């Protein structure tokens, strides 16, 4: 199975518009096998920054395989699946206020424990 993945494998990118498949060169397939050695599906956010840049590079190279060209893509072994979701616009001031509230709450808890001791 590892040999099939190494020579015929594709990377599945789950996007909001549906799955996309990339057939990278063999050296990159070897690295993808290493990334997905324990899990078949990983969100992009859990990958290291180097791995995220690697996936971004693969996507930007436009090596996507379309279904008619794949010729039995359903039978092609999947190296792994990356859940790619666009980052939602966050309100930075709201997240800072939330972090400050959590920090203040934790500091109050610690002070209360110290007073009891």
Protein backbone atom coordinates (compact mmCIF):
# COMPACT_ATOMS: atom_id res chain seq x y z
CA UNK A 1 0.00 0.00 0.00
CA UNK A 2 2.86 2.41 0.80
CA UNK A 3 4.39 1.71 -2.61
CA UNK A 4 1.07 2.44 -4.35
CA UNK A 5 0.72 5.69 -2.43
CA UNK A 6 4.29 6.65 -3.24
CA UNK A 7 3.95 6.09 -6.98
CA UNK A 8 0.26 6.83 -7.63
CA UNK A 9 -0.92 8.86 -4.63
CA UNK A 10 -2.82 12.13 -4.69
CA UNK A 11 -3.34 14.74 -1.99
CA UNK A 12 -6.96 15.62 -1.27
CA UNK A 13 -7.70 19.22 -0.29
CA UNK A 14 -11.17 19.68 1.20
CA UNK A 15 -12.32 23.19 0.27
CA UNK A 16 -15.67 24.90 0.80
CA UNK A 17 -16.35 24.23 -2.90
CA UNK A 18 -15.64 20.51 -2.59
CA UNK A 19 -12.60 18.25 -2.76
CA UNK A 20 -9.64 19.09 -4.97
CA UNK A 21 -6.90 16.62 -5.84
CA UNK A 22 -3.22 17.31 -6.40
CA UNK A 23 -0.75 14.84 -7.87
CA UNK A 24 2.64 16.09 -6.64
CA UNK A 25 6.04 14.83 -7.81
CA UNK A 26 7.38 11.71 -6.11
CA UNK A 27 9.75 13.57 -3.78
CA UNK A 28 6.86 15.66 -2.47
CA UNK A 29 4.69 12.55 -2.15
CA UNK A 30 7.32 11.08 0.14
CA UNK A 31 7.13 14.16 2.39
CA UNK A 32 3.32 13.97 2.37
CA UNK A 33 3.49 10.34 3.46
CA UNK A 34 5.58 11.53 6.40
CA UNK A 35 3.11 14.30 7.28
CA UNK A 36 0.13 11.91 7.19
CA UNK A 37 1.90 8.93 8.78
CA UNK A 38 -0.51 8.82 11.76
CA UNK A 39 -3.65 10.54 10.45
CA UNK A 40 -5.53 10.41 7.18
CA UNK A 41 -7.14 13.83 7.61
CA UNK A 42 -5.65 16.95 9.19
CA UNK A 43 -6.88 20.54 9.41
CA UNK A 44 -4.42 23.01 7.94
CA UNK A 45 -4.18 24.81 11.29
CA UNK A 46 -2.56 21.83 13.08
CA UNK A 47 0.31 21.59 10.62
CA UNK A 48 3.59 23.33 11.37
CA UNK A 49 4.31 26.61 9.59
CA UNK A 50 6.74 24.80 7.27
CA UNK A 51 4.12 22.19 6.40
CA UNK A 52 1.50 24.91 5.84
CA UNK A 53 3.86 26.71 3.45
CA UNK A 54 4.45 23.39 1.67
CA UNK A 55 0.71 22.82 1.19
CA UNK A 56 0.25 26.45 0.07
CA UNK A 57 3.04 26.00 -2.46
CA UNK A 58 1.42 22.84 -3.80
CA UNK A 59 -1.89 24.64 -4.19
CA UNK A 60 -0.32 27.69 -5.82
CA UNK A 61 1.50 25.54 -8.41
CA UNK A 62 -1.89 24.59 -9.85
CA UNK A 63 -1.15 20.86 -10.08
CA UNK A 64 -4.81 20.05 -9.53
CA UNK A 65 -6.03 16.90 -11.24
CA UNK A 66 -9.44 17.15 -12.82
CA UNK A 67 -11.74 14.14 -12.65
CA UNK A 68 -11.80 13.32 -16.41
CA UNK A 69 -7.99 13.45 -16.65
CA UNK A 70 -7.51 11.34 -13.58
CA UNK A 71 -8.77 8.20 -15.24
CA UNK A 72 -10.00 6.33 -12.20
CA UNK A 73 -9.20 8.90 -9.54
CA UNK A 74 -11.61 7.07 -7.27
CA UNK A 75 -9.14 4.18 -7.29
CA UNK A 76 -6.07 6.38 -6.79
CA UNK A 77 -4.64 6.05 -3.29
CA UNK A 78 -5.00 9.20 -1.20
CA UNK A 79 -1.82 10.26 0.57
CA UNK A 80 -3.82 12.33 3.02
CA UNK A 81 -6.57 14.91 3.28
CA UNK A 82 -6.09 18.52 4.29
CA UNK A 83 -9.13 20.38 5.56
CA UNK A 84 -8.63 23.85 4.16
CA UNK A 85 -11.05 26.42 5.43
CA UNK A 86 -10.70 30.13 4.87
CA UNK A 87 -9.90 32.07 8.00
CA UNK A 88 -12.89 33.96 9.23
CA UNK A 89 -12.40 37.66 9.79
CA UNK A 90 -12.02 38.14 13.50
CA UNK A 91 -12.51 41.31 15.37
CA UNK A 92 -9.08 41.91 16.92
CA UNK A 93 -10.41 44.21 19.63
CA UNK A 94 -12.98 41.63 20.69
CA UNK A 95 -10.36 38.87 20.91
CA UNK A 96 -8.05 41.19 22.90
CA UNK A 97 -10.90 42.04 25.28
CA UNK A 98 -11.69 38.34 25.68
CA UNK A 99 -8.03 37.53 26.39
CA UNK A 100 -7.81 40.38 28.90
CA UNK A 101 -10.98 39.15 30.61
CA UNK A 102 -9.63 35.60 30.85
CA UNK A 103 -6.29 36.85 32.19
CA UNK A 104 -8.04 39.07 34.72
CA UNK A 105 -10.26 36.18 35.80
CA UNK A 106 -7.31 33.85 36.26
CA UNK A 107 -5.39 36.50 38.23
CA UNK A 108 -8.42 36.98 40.51
CA UNK A 109 -8.65 33.23 41.07
CA UNK A 110 -4.96 33.01 41.97
CA UNK A 111 -5.28 35.93 44.41
CA UNK A 112 -8.27 34.26 46.06
CA UNK A 113 -6.35 30.99 46.50
CA UNK A 114 -3.36 32.85 47.94
CA UNK A 115 -5.53 34.61 50.51
CA UNK A 116 -6.98 31.30 51.73
CA UNK A 117 -3.52 29.73 52.16
